[in-house]
C-alpha cells in the first residue's frame, strides 16, 4: 500500500449536507412522530369515551358546551317562540325512536348560518339559517336525527378529545401556543368533525329514526340535495365543503334506504313558514 500524505480536515464540525434538505428531513420525521402519537392517543380516546357516563359528561363539559355555542355567533331569544316550541316537540318525538342515554337540550339561535351540531353536555344547537334551506318538517327532522346519531355514538366527545390532543401535540412540538393554534385551526369542537365513516353511521341512525317516526323516509335527502344545487348560495356548514360531497351523501342515503327497504312518502309542510326572514 502506498502512503499519500494529505492535510488534516479542519472542518470536522461543518455539515456537508444541504441544510434545506436536512431541515425538511427533520421536519418530516417530527411530523411522522406527532401523527403516530396522535393516532395512538386517538385510539385510547375512542375507548375512554365509552366509560364517560352522561352525568359525568354534563358535569365536566357543560361550561365548555356553552363556550362552543357562544363561538357560533348566534343570538338566543329571551322568549321561546312557536317555531322553537314545535322544534322541541319534534326533538322529543325523534328521541322516542332512539334513546341516546340522556336528555338532550335544544338550543335554537338566530343566525344567518345554516348549521346544527351536537355540543358537549347534551346540547343540540340549531341555527335559524338552517330553516331557510329545508322546505319540510321531514327535511329538518333528518338533520336533527343526524345529530342525535352523533350523540348516540358519542362522536361529539371523540372529536373534541382528538382536537385537544392535536392541539397539545402541536404545542409540544413547537413550544409556542400561538403557533399551535395556527397549526390546529380550531374552534376545538368544529375540528371534531368526524371521519366520513362516523358521518355515514349518523346518517344511518337518522334514517332509522325518521322511518320510525313517520313510517317512511321522505325528505331524508332534502337538505343535502339543496347543497348539491349549483344555484344554491348556502354558506359552508360542517356537513360538507364541496358540492360533489353532498351529491355522494345523497346517493349513499338513497342506496341505504333501498337496502333497508324503506320507501319515501308524503312530507309534512314546514311549520316555520313565514316566521324565518
C-alpha atoms as a PDB file:
ATOM      1  CA  UNK A   1       0.000   0.000   0.000  1.00  0.00           C
ATOM      2  CA  UNK A   2       1.404   3.378  -0.961  1.00  0.00           C
ATOM      3  CA  UNK A   3       1.099   6.211   1.523  1.00  0.00           C
ATOM      4  CA  UNK A   4      -0.333   9.535   0.273  1.00  0.00           C
ATOM      5  CA  UNK A   5       0.202  12.496   2.545  1.00  0.00           C
ATOM      6  CA  UNK A   6      -2.713  14.919   2.960  1.00  0.00           C
ATOM      7  CA  UNK A   7      -3.578  17.844   5.147  1.00  0.00           C
ATOM      8  CA  UNK A   8      -5.846  17.215   8.125  1.00  0.00           C
ATOM      9  CA  UNK A   9      -9.562  18.102   7.782  1.00  0.00           C
ATOM     10  CA  UNK A  10     -10.051  21.449   9.513  1.00  0.00           C
ATOM     11  CA  UNK A  11     -13.878  21.438   9.166  1.00  0.00           C
ATOM     12  CA  UNK A  12     -14.952  18.461  11.291  1.00  0.00           C
ATOM     13  CA  UNK A  13     -17.937  20.378  12.779  1.00  0.00           C
ATOM     14  CA  UNK A  14     -19.299  21.631   9.469  1.00  0.00           C
ATOM     15  CA  UNK A  15     -22.127  19.622   7.915  1.00  0.00           C
ATOM     16  CA  UNK A  16     -21.564  18.654   4.302  1.00  0.00           C
ATOM     17  CA  UNK A  17     -25.289  18.057   3.699  1.00  0.00           C
ATOM     18  CA  UNK A  18     -27.669  20.506   2.084  1.00  0.00           C
ATOM     19  CA  UNK A  19     -29.187  22.473   5.027  1.00  0.00           C
ATOM     20  CA  UNK A  20     -32.598  22.746   3.337  1.00  0.00           C
ATOM     21  CA  UNK A  21     -32.717  19.003   2.702  1.00  0.00           C
ATOM     22  CA  UNK A  22     -31.618  18.341   6.264  1.00  0.00           C
ATOM     23  CA  UNK A  23     -34.329  20.660   7.642  1.00  0.00           C
ATOM     24  CA  UNK A  24     -37.048  19.040   5.535  1.00  0.00           C
ATOM     25  CA  UNK A  25     -35.890  15.591   6.616  1.00  0.00           C
ATOM     26  CA  UNK A  26     -36.038  16.550  10.301  1.00  0.00           C
ATOM     27  CA  UNK A  27     -39.432  18.220   9.841  1.00  0.00           C
ATOM     28  CA  UNK A  28     -40.853  15.151   8.088  1.00  0.00           C
ATOM     29  CA  UNK A  29     -39.589  12.930  10.881  1.00  0.00           C
ATOM     30  CA  UNK A  30     -41.107  15.180  13.544  1.00  0.00           C
ATOM     31  CA  UNK A  31     -44.474  15.260  11.776  1.00  0.00           C
ATOM     32  CA  UNK A  32     -44.440  11.493  11.402  1.00  0.00           C
ATOM     33  CA  UNK A  33     -43.832  11.071  15.139  1.00  0.00           C
ATOM     34  CA  UNK A  34     -46.573  13.590  16.038  1.00  0.00           C
ATOM     35  CA  UNK A  35     -49.106  11.939  13.736  1.00  0.00           C
ATOM     36  CA  UNK A  36     -48.265   8.472  15.055  1.00  0.00           C
ATOM     37  CA  UNK A  37     -48.673   9.598  18.660  1.00  0.00           C
ATOM     38  CA  UNK A  38     -51.901  11.384  17.689  1.00  0.00           C
ATOM     39  CA  UNK A  39     -53.230   8.169  16.135  1.00  0.00           C
ATOM     40  CA  UNK A  40     -52.348   6.108  19.207  1.00  0.00           C
ATOM     41  CA  UNK A  41     -53.871   8.634  21.627  1.00  0.00           C
ATOM     42  CA  UNK A  42     -56.942   8.919  19.403  1.00  0.00           C
ATOM     43  CA  UNK A  43     -57.465   5.181  19.748  1.00  0.00           C
ATOM     44  CA  UNK A  44     -57.324   5.435  23.544  1.00  0.00           C
ATOM     45  CA  UNK A  45     -59.725   8.387  23.459  1.00  0.00           C
ATOM     46  CA  UNK A  46     -62.244   6.329  21.493  1.00  0.00           C
ATOM     47  CA  UNK A  47     -62.035   3.647  24.171  1.00  0.00           C
ATOM     48  CA  UNK A  48     -62.153   6.087  27.098  1.00  0.00           C
ATOM     49  CA  UNK A  49     -65.305   7.787  25.800  1.00  0.00           C
ATOM     50  CA  UNK A  50     -67.232   4.570  26.420  1.00  0.00           C
ATOM     51  CA  UNK A  51     -66.566   4.958  30.143  1.00  0.00           C
ATOM     52  CA  UNK A  52     -67.813   8.557  30.395  1.00  0.00           C
ATOM     53  CA  UNK A  53     -71.359   8.439  31.702  1.00  0.00           C
ATOM     54  CA  UNK A  54     -73.894  11.058  30.537  1.00  0.00           C
ATOM     55  CA  UNK A  55     -73.922  12.503  34.056  1.00  0.00           C
ATOM     56  CA  UNK A  56     -70.126  12.808  34.034  1.00  0.00           C
ATOM     57  CA  UNK A  57     -70.202  14.400  30.578  1.00  0.00           C
ATOM     58  CA  UNK A  58     -72.669  17.048  31.696  1.00  0.00           C
ATOM     59  CA  UNK A  59     -70.665  17.766  34.866  1.00  0.00           C
ATOM     60  CA  UNK A  60     -67.352  18.062  33.020  1.00  0.00           C
ATOM     61  CA  UNK A  61     -68.290  19.651  29.720  1.00  0.00           C
ATOM     62  CA  UNK A  62     -71.358  21.793  30.367  1.00  0.00           C
ATOM     63  CA  UNK A  63     -69.411  25.052  30.569  1.00  0.00           C
ATOM     64  CA  UNK A  64     -67.324  24.092  27.529  1.00  0.00           C
ATOM     65  CA  UNK A  65     -70.512  23.413  25.612  1.00  0.00           C
ATOM     66  CA  UNK A  66     -71.703  26.921  26.409  1.00  0.00           C
ATOM     67  CA  UNK A  67     -68.421  28.378  25.112  1.00  0.00           C
ATOM     68  CA  UNK A  68     -68.711  26.437  21.869  1.00  0.00           C
ATOM     69  CA  UNK A  69     -72.289  27.594  21.405  1.00  0.00           C
ATOM     70  CA  UNK A  70     -71.305  31.215  22.040  1.00  0.00           C
ATOM     71  CA  UNK A  71     -68.499  30.941  19.484  1.00  0.00           C
ATOM     72  CA  UNK A  72     -71.054  30.374  16.715  1.00  0.00           C
ATOM     73  CA  UNK A  73     -72.136  33.988  16.946  1.00  0.00           C
ATOM     74  CA  UNK A  74     -75.864  33.272  17.093  1.00  0.00           C
ATOM     75  CA  UNK A  75     -78.306  35.030  19.396  1.00  0.00           C
ATOM     76  CA  UNK A  76     -80.666  33.296  21.783  1.00  0.00           C
ATOM     77  CA  UNK A  77     -84.145  34.698  22.116  1.00  0.00           C
ATOM     78  CA  UNK A  78     -85.387  35.606  25.578  1.00  0.00           C
ATOM     79  CA  UNK A  79     -88.741  34.071  24.732  1.00  0.00           C
ATOM     80  CA  UNK A  80     -89.426  30.675  23.218  1.00  0.00           C
ATOM     81  CA  UNK A  81     -91.355  31.354  20.007  1.00  0.00           C
ATOM     82  CA  UNK A  82     -93.740  28.946  18.283  1.00  0.00           C
ATOM     83  CA  UNK A  83     -91.047  27.701  15.911  1.00  0.00           C
ATOM     84  CA  UNK A  84     -88.825  26.696  18.802  1.00  0.00           C
ATOM     85  CA  UNK A  85     -91.759  25.100  20.611  1.00  0.00           C
ATOM     86  CA  UNK A  86     -92.530  22.966  17.553  1.00  0.00           C
ATOM     87  CA  UNK A  87     -88.866  22.089  17.212  1.00  0.00           C
ATOM     88  CA  UNK A  88     -88.644  20.907  20.806  1.00  0.00           C
ATOM     89  CA  UNK A  89     -91.695  18.701  20.325  1.00  0.00           C
ATOM     90  CA  UNK A  90     -90.106  17.286  17.165  1.00  0.00           C
ATOM     91  CA  UNK A  91     -86.868  16.565  19.034  1.00  0.00           C
ATOM     92  CA  UNK A  92     -88.778  14.748  21.799  1.00  0.00           C
ATOM     93  CA  UNK A  93     -90.672  12.672  19.231  1.00  0.00           C
ATOM     94  CA  UNK A  94     -87.478  11.709  17.394  1.00  0.00           C
ATOM     95  CA  UNK A  95     -85.692  10.879  20.653  1.00  0.00           C
ATOM     96  CA  UNK A  96     -88.528   8.491  21.489  1.00  0.00           C
ATOM     97  CA  UNK A  97     -87.430   6.455  18.450  1.00  0.00           C
ATOM     98  CA  UNK A  98     -83.836   6.198  19.694  1.00  0.00           C
ATOM     99  CA  UNK A  99     -82.816   6.658  23.296  1.00  0.00           C
ATOM    100  CA  UNK A 100     -79.440   8.383  23.340  1.00  0.00           C
ATOM    101  CA  UNK A 101     -78.949   7.734  27.062  1.00  0.00           C
ATOM    102  CA  UNK A 102     -79.554  11.200  28.454  1.00  0.00           C
ATOM    103  CA  UNK A 103     -81.842  14.199  27.931  1.00  0.00           C
ATOM    104  CA  UNK A 104     -80.977  16.471  25.023  1.00  0.00           C
ATOM    105  CA  UNK A 105     -81.339  20.219  25.474  1.00  0.00           C
ATOM    106  CA  UNK A 106     -82.353  22.045  22.299  1.00  0.00           C
ATOM    107  CA  UNK A 107     -80.818  25.480  21.800  1.00  0.00           C
ATOM    108  CA  UNK A 108     -82.277  27.473  18.928  1.00  0.00           C
ATOM    109  CA  UNK A 109     -80.281  30.524  17.901  1.00  0.00           C
ATOM    110  CA  UNK A 110     -80.936  33.302  15.421  1.00  0.00           C
ATOM    111  CA  UNK A 111     -78.138  33.282  12.868  1.00  0.00           C
ATOM    112  CA  UNK A 112     -77.510  33.607   9.139  1.00  0.00           C
ATOM    113  CA  UNK A 113     -75.501  30.383   9.272  1.00  0.00           C
ATOM    114  CA  UNK A 114     -77.159  27.139   8.172  1.00  0.00           C
ATOM    115  CA  UNK A 115     -75.974  24.708  10.802  1.00  0.00           C
ATOM    116  CA  UNK A 116     -76.893  22.224  13.506  1.00  0.00           C
ATOM    117  CA  UNK A 117     -74.467  20.398  15.764  1.00  0.00           C
ATOM    118  CA  UNK A 118     -74.106  18.274  18.874  1.00  0.00           C
ATOM    119  CA  UNK A 119     -72.227  20.055  21.663  1.00  0.00           C
ATOM    120  CA  UNK A 120     -70.827  18.589  24.903  1.00  0.00           C
ATOM    121  CA  UNK A 121     -73.181  18.333  27.839  1.00  0.00           C
ATOM    122  CA  UNK A 122     -76.160  17.073  25.841  1.00  0.00           C
ATOM    123  CA  UNK A 123     -76.785  20.331  23.994  1.00  0.00           C
ATOM    124  CA  UNK A 124     -78.082  20.276  20.434  1.00  0.00           C
ATOM    125  CA  UNK A 125     -77.756  23.618  18.677  1.00  0.00           C
ATOM    126  CA  UNK A 126     -79.862  24.561  15.662  1.00  0.00           C
ATOM    127  CA  UNK A 127     -79.108  27.856  13.909  1.00  0.00           C
ATOM    128  CA  UNK A 128     -82.110  29.521  12.300  1.00  0.00           C
ATOM    129  CA  UNK A 129     -80.350  29.860   8.936  1.00  0.00           C
ATOM    130  CA  UNK A 130     -80.821  26.108   8.515  1.00  0.00           C
ATOM    131  CA  UNK A 131     -84.580  26.570   8.227  1.00  0.00           C
ATOM    132  CA  UNK A 132     -84.141  28.602   5.056  1.00  0.00           C
ATOM    133  CA  UNK A 133     -82.707  25.571   3.304  1.00  0.00           C
ATOM    134  CA  UNK A 134     -85.183  22.855   4.228  1.00  0.00           C
ATOM    135  CA  UNK A 135     -88.736  23.033   2.929  1.00  0.00           C
ATOM    136  CA  UNK A 136     -90.488  20.374   5.002  1.00  0.00           C
ATOM    137  CA  UNK A 137     -90.642  19.125   8.574  1.00  0.00           C
ATOM    138  CA  UNK A 138     -89.206  15.822   7.367  1.00  0.00           C
ATOM    139  CA  UNK A 139     -86.147  17.520   5.896  1.00  0.00           C
ATOM    140  CA  UNK A 140     -85.462  19.244   9.199  1.00  0.00           C
ATOM    141  CA  UNK A 141     -86.162  16.022  11.103  1.00  0.00           C
ATOM    142  CA  UNK A 142     -83.403  14.176   9.254  1.00  0.00           C
ATOM    143  CA  UNK A 143     -80.829  16.838  10.172  1.00  0.00           C
ATOM    144  CA  UNK A 144     -81.930  16.749  13.829  1.00  0.00           C
ATOM    145  CA  UNK A 145     -81.906  12.933  13.794  1.00  0.00           C
ATOM    146  CA  UNK A 146     -78.392  13.003  12.299  1.00  0.00           C
ATOM    147  CA  UNK A 147     -77.197  14.959  15.328  1.00  0.00           C
ATOM    148  CA  UNK A 148     -78.985  12.512  17.620  1.00  0.00           C
ATOM    149  CA  UNK A 149     -76.952   9.816  15.897  1.00  0.00           C
ATOM    150  CA  UNK A 150     -73.765  11.657  16.852  1.00  0.00           C
ATOM    151  CA  UNK A 151     -74.961  11.861  20.464  1.00  0.00           C
ATOM    152  CA  UNK A 152     -75.763   8.142  20.465  1.00  0.00           C
ATOM    153  CA  UNK A 153     -72.286   7.297  19.099  1.00  0.00           C
ATOM    154  CA  UNK A 154     -70.632   9.862  21.434  1.00  0.00           C
ATOM    155  CA  UNK A 155     -68.936  11.330  18.361  1.00  0.00           C
ATOM    156  CA  UNK A 156     -69.000  14.832  19.799  1.00  0.00           C
ATOM    157  CA  UNK A 157     -66.738  13.687  22.652  1.00  0.00           C
ATOM    158  CA  UNK A 158     -64.446  11.649  20.409  1.00  0.00           C
ATOM    159  CA  UNK A 159     -63.908  14.598  18.100  1.00  0.00           C
ATOM    160  CA  UNK A 160     -63.416  17.018  20.960  1.00  0.00           C
ATOM    161  CA  UNK A 161     -60.828  14.747  22.575  1.00  0.00           C
ATOM    162  CA  UNK A 162     -58.898  14.354  19.325  1.00  0.00           C
ATOM    163  CA  UNK A 163     -58.907  18.111  18.816  1.00  0.00           C
ATOM    164  CA  UNK A 164     -57.446  18.680  22.284  1.00  0.00           C
ATOM    165  CA  UNK A 165     -54.789  16.005  21.710  1.00  0.00           C
ATOM    166  CA  UNK A 166     -53.751  17.525  18.396  1.00  0.00           C
ATOM    167  CA  UNK A 167     -53.583  20.970  19.993  1.00  0.00           C
ATOM    168  CA  UNK A 168     -51.393  19.627  22.804  1.00  0.00           C
ATOM    169  CA  UNK A 169     -49.066  17.773  20.430  1.00  0.00           C
ATOM    170  CA  UNK A 170     -48.701  20.870  18.267  1.00  0.00           C
ATOM    171  CA  UNK A 171     -47.774  22.891  21.336  1.00  0.00           C
ATOM    172  CA  UNK A 172     -45.248  20.299  22.483  1.00  0.00           C
ATOM    173  CA  UNK A 173     -43.710  20.162  19.017  1.00  0.00           C
ATOM    174  CA  UNK A 174     -43.452  23.932  18.565  1.00  0.00           C
ATOM    175  CA  UNK A 175     -43.228  25.219  22.129  1.00  0.00           C
ATOM    176  CA  UNK A 176     -45.488  28.051  21.056  1.00  0.00           C
ATOM    177  CA  UNK A 177     -49.175  28.159  21.922  1.00  0.00           C
ATOM    178  CA  UNK A 178     -49.921  30.770  19.243  1.00  0.00           C
ATOM    179  CA  UNK A 179     -48.255  28.689  16.544  1.00  0.00           C
ATOM    180  CA  UNK A 180     -50.109  25.672  17.862  1.00  0.00           C
ATOM    181  CA  UNK A 181     -53.387  27.439  17.192  1.00  0.00           C
ATOM    182  CA  UNK A 182     -52.279  28.163  13.648  1.00  0.00           C
ATOM    183  CA  UNK A 183     -51.334  24.537  13.075  1.00  0.00           C
ATOM    184  CA  UNK A 184     -54.631  23.358  14.510  1.00  0.00           C
ATOM    185  CA  UNK A 185     -57.234  25.773  13.131  1.00  0.00           C
ATOM    186  CA  UNK A 186     -59.921  25.261  15.725  1.00  0.00           C
ATOM    187  CA  UNK A 187     -62.685  26.108  17.400  1.00  0.00           C
ATOM    188  CA  UNK A 188     -61.863  22.812  19.179  1.00  0.00           C
ATOM    189  CA  UNK A 189     -65.306  21.403  18.597  1.00  0.00           C
ATOM    190  CA  UNK A 190     -65.639  22.154  14.899  1.00  0.00           C
ATOM    191  CA  UNK A 191     -62.334  20.398  14.260  1.00  0.00           C
ATOM    192  CA  UNK A 192     -64.063  17.417  15.791  1.00  0.00           C
ATOM    193  CA  UNK A 193     -65.866  16.948  12.545  1.00  0.00           C
ATOM    194  CA  UNK A 194     -65.805  13.323  12.412  1.00  0.00           C
ATOM    195  CA  UNK A 195     -64.479  10.863   9.893  1.00  0.00           C
ATOM    196  CA  UNK A 196     -66.559  10.052   6.875  1.00  0.00           C
ATOM    197  CA  UNK A 197     -67.347   6.699   8.463  1.00  0.00           C
ATOM    198  CA  UNK A 198     -68.840   8.341  11.545  1.00  0.00           C
ATOM    199  CA  UNK A 199     -70.893  10.703   9.378  1.00  0.00           C
ATOM    200  CA  UNK A 200     -72.243   7.702   7.495  1.00  0.00           C
ATOM    201  CA  UNK A 201     -73.104   5.971  10.775  1.00  0.00           C
ATOM    202  CA  UNK A 202     -75.011   9.063  11.912  1.00  0.00           C
ATOM    203  CA  UNK A 203     -76.858   9.158   8.580  1.00  0.00           C
ATOM    204  CA  UNK A 204     -77.901   5.536   9.024  1.00  0.00           C
ATOM    205  CA  UNK A 205     -79.201   6.197  12.522  1.00  0.00           C
ATOM    206  CA  UNK A 206     -81.068   9.254  11.235  1.00  0.00           C
ATOM    207  CA  UNK A 207     -82.681   7.179   8.516  1.00  0.00           C
ATOM    208  CA  UNK A 208     -83.875   4.630  11.084  1.00  0.00           C
ATOM    209  CA  UNK A 209     -85.221   7.393  13.310  1.00  0.00           C
ATOM    210  CA  UNK A 210     -87.347   9.136  10.676  1.00  0.00           C
ATOM    211  CA  UNK A 211     -88.581   5.753   9.401  1.00  0.00           C
ATOM    212  CA  UNK A 212     -89.696   5.024  12.966  1.00  0.00           C
ATOM    213  CA  UNK A 213     -91.337   8.430  13.416  1.00  0.00           C
ATOM    214  CA  UNK A 214     -93.002   8.962  10.026  1.00  0.00           C
ATOM    215  CA  UNK A 215     -93.267   5.408   8.705  1.00  0.00           C
ATOM    216  CA  UNK A 216     -91.249   6.398   5.627  1.00  0.00           C
ATOM    217  CA  UNK A 217     -88.059   8.294   4.731  1.00  0.00           C
ATOM    218  CA  UNK A 218     -89.444  11.058   2.559  1.00  0.00           C
ATOM    219  CA  UNK A 219     -87.391  14.256   2.868  1.00  0.00           C
ATOM    220  CA  UNK A 220     -84.239  12.468   4.053  1.00  0.00           C
ATOM    221  CA  UNK A 221     -82.063  13.903   1.280  1.00  0.00           C
ATOM    222  CA  UNK A 222     -83.785  17.280   1.082  1.00  0.00           C
ATOM    223  CA  UNK A 223     -81.122  19.381   2.789  1.00  0.00           C
ATOM    224  CA  UNK A 224     -78.243  17.612   1.080  1.00  0.00           C
ATOM    225  CA  UNK A 225     -79.869  17.914  -2.345  1.00  0.00           C
ATOM    226  CA  UNK A 226     -80.149  21.644  -1.690  1.00  0.00           C
ATOM    227  CA  UNK A 227     -76.413  21.840  -1.069  1.00  0.00           C
ATOM    228  CA  UNK A 228     -75.644  19.996  -4.292  1.00  0.00           C
ATOM    229  CA  UNK A 229     -77.688  22.533  -6.287  1.00  0.00           C
ATOM    230  CA  UNK A 230     -75.110  24.778  -8.062  1.00  0.00           C
ATOM    231  CA  UNK A 231     -77.555  27.696  -7.881  1.00  0.00           C
ATOM    232  CA  UNK A 232     -77.818  27.472  -4.106  1.00  0.00           C
ATOM    233  CA  UNK A 233     -75.860  30.074  -2.126  1.00  0.00           C
ATOM    234  CA  UNK A 234     -75.805  28.038   1.092  1.00  0.00           C
ATOM    235  CA  UNK A 235     -72.918  29.060   3.372  1.00  0.00           C
ATOM    236  CA  UNK A 236     -70.485  26.244   4.137  1.00  0.00           C
ATOM    237  CA  UNK A 237     -71.628  24.098   7.051  1.00  0.00           C
ATOM    238  CA  UNK A 238     -69.931  21.341   8.992  1.00  0.00           C
ATOM    239  CA  UNK A 239     -71.660  18.740   6.827  1.00  0.00           C
ATOM    240  CA  UNK A 240     -69.906  19.460   3.521  1.00  0.00           C
ATOM    241  CA  UNK A 241     -67.218  21.621   1.967  1.00  0.00           C
ATOM    242  CA  UNK A 242     -67.930  20.893  -1.697  1.00  0.00           C
ATOM    243  CA  UNK A 243     -70.988  20.066  -3.766  1.00  0.00           C
ATOM    244  CA  UNK A 244     -69.716  16.680  -5.009  1.00  0.00           C
ATOM    245  CA  UNK A 245     -69.559  15.516  -1.372  1.00  0.00           C
ATOM    246  CA  UNK A 246     -73.210  16.465  -0.983  1.00  0.00           C
ATOM    247  CA  UNK A 247     -74.128  14.510  -4.104  1.00  0.00           C
ATOM    248  CA  UNK A 248     -72.271  11.477  -2.785  1.00  0.00           C
ATOM    249  CA  UNK A 249     -74.146  11.751   0.525  1.00  0.00           C
ATOM    250  CA  UNK A 250     -77.494  11.848  -1.287  1.00  0.00           C
ATOM    251  CA  UNK A 251     -76.639   8.719  -3.303  1.00  0.00           C
ATOM    252  CA  UNK A 252     -75.426   6.907  -0.178  1.00  0.00           C
ATOM    253  CA  UNK A 253     -78.654   7.680   1.696  1.00  0.00           C
ATOM    254  CA  UNK A 254     -80.762   6.549  -1.258  1.00  0.00           C
ATOM    255  CA  UNK A 255     -78.800   3.302  -1.525  1.00  0.00           C
ATOM    256  CA  UNK A 256     -79.099   2.683   2.210  1.00  0.00           C
ATOM    257  CA  UNK A 257     -82.872   3.259   2.013  1.00  0.00           C
ATOM    258  CA  UNK A 258     -83.129   0.634  -0.706  1.00  0.00           C
ATOM    259  CA  UNK A 259     -81.087  -1.872   1.307  1.00  0.00           C
ATOM    260  CA  UNK A 260     -83.363  -1.364   4.317  1.00  0.00           C
ATOM    261  CA  UNK A 261     -86.473  -1.480   2.102  1.00  0.00           C
ATOM    262  CA  UNK A 262     -87.548   1.955   3.259  1.00  0.00           C
ATOM    263  CA  UNK A 263     -89.852   3.904   0.974  1.00  0.00           C
ATOM    264  CA  UNK A 264     -90.472   7.607   0.510  1.00  0.00           C
ATOM    265  CA  UNK A 265     -93.819   9.085   1.481  1.00  0.00           C
ATOM    266  CA  UNK A 266     -95.577  12.426   1.616  1.00  0.00           C
ATOM    267  CA  UNK A 267     -93.698  15.010   3.648  1.00  0.00           C
ATOM    268  CA  UNK A 268     -95.202  17.405   6.155  1.00  0.00           C
ATOM    269  CA  UNK A 269     -95.131  21.133   5.396  1.00  0.00           C
ATOM    270  CA  UNK A 270     -92.664  23.360   7.217  1.00  0.00           C
ATOM    271  CA  UNK A 271     -94.143  24.602  10.494  1.00  0.00           C
ATOM    272  CA  UNK A 272     -91.859  27.642  10.383  1.00  0.00           C
ATOM    273  CA  UNK A 273     -93.119  29.044   7.056  1.00  0.00           C
ATOM    274  CA  UNK A 274     -93.399  32.811   7.225  1.00  0.00           C
ATOM    275  CA  UNK A 275     -91.513  33.067  10.541  1.00  0.00           C
ATOM    276  CA  UNK A 276     -87.935  32.961   9.151  1.00  0.00           C
ATOM    277  CA  UNK A 277     -86.690  36.019   7.265  1.00  0.00           C
END
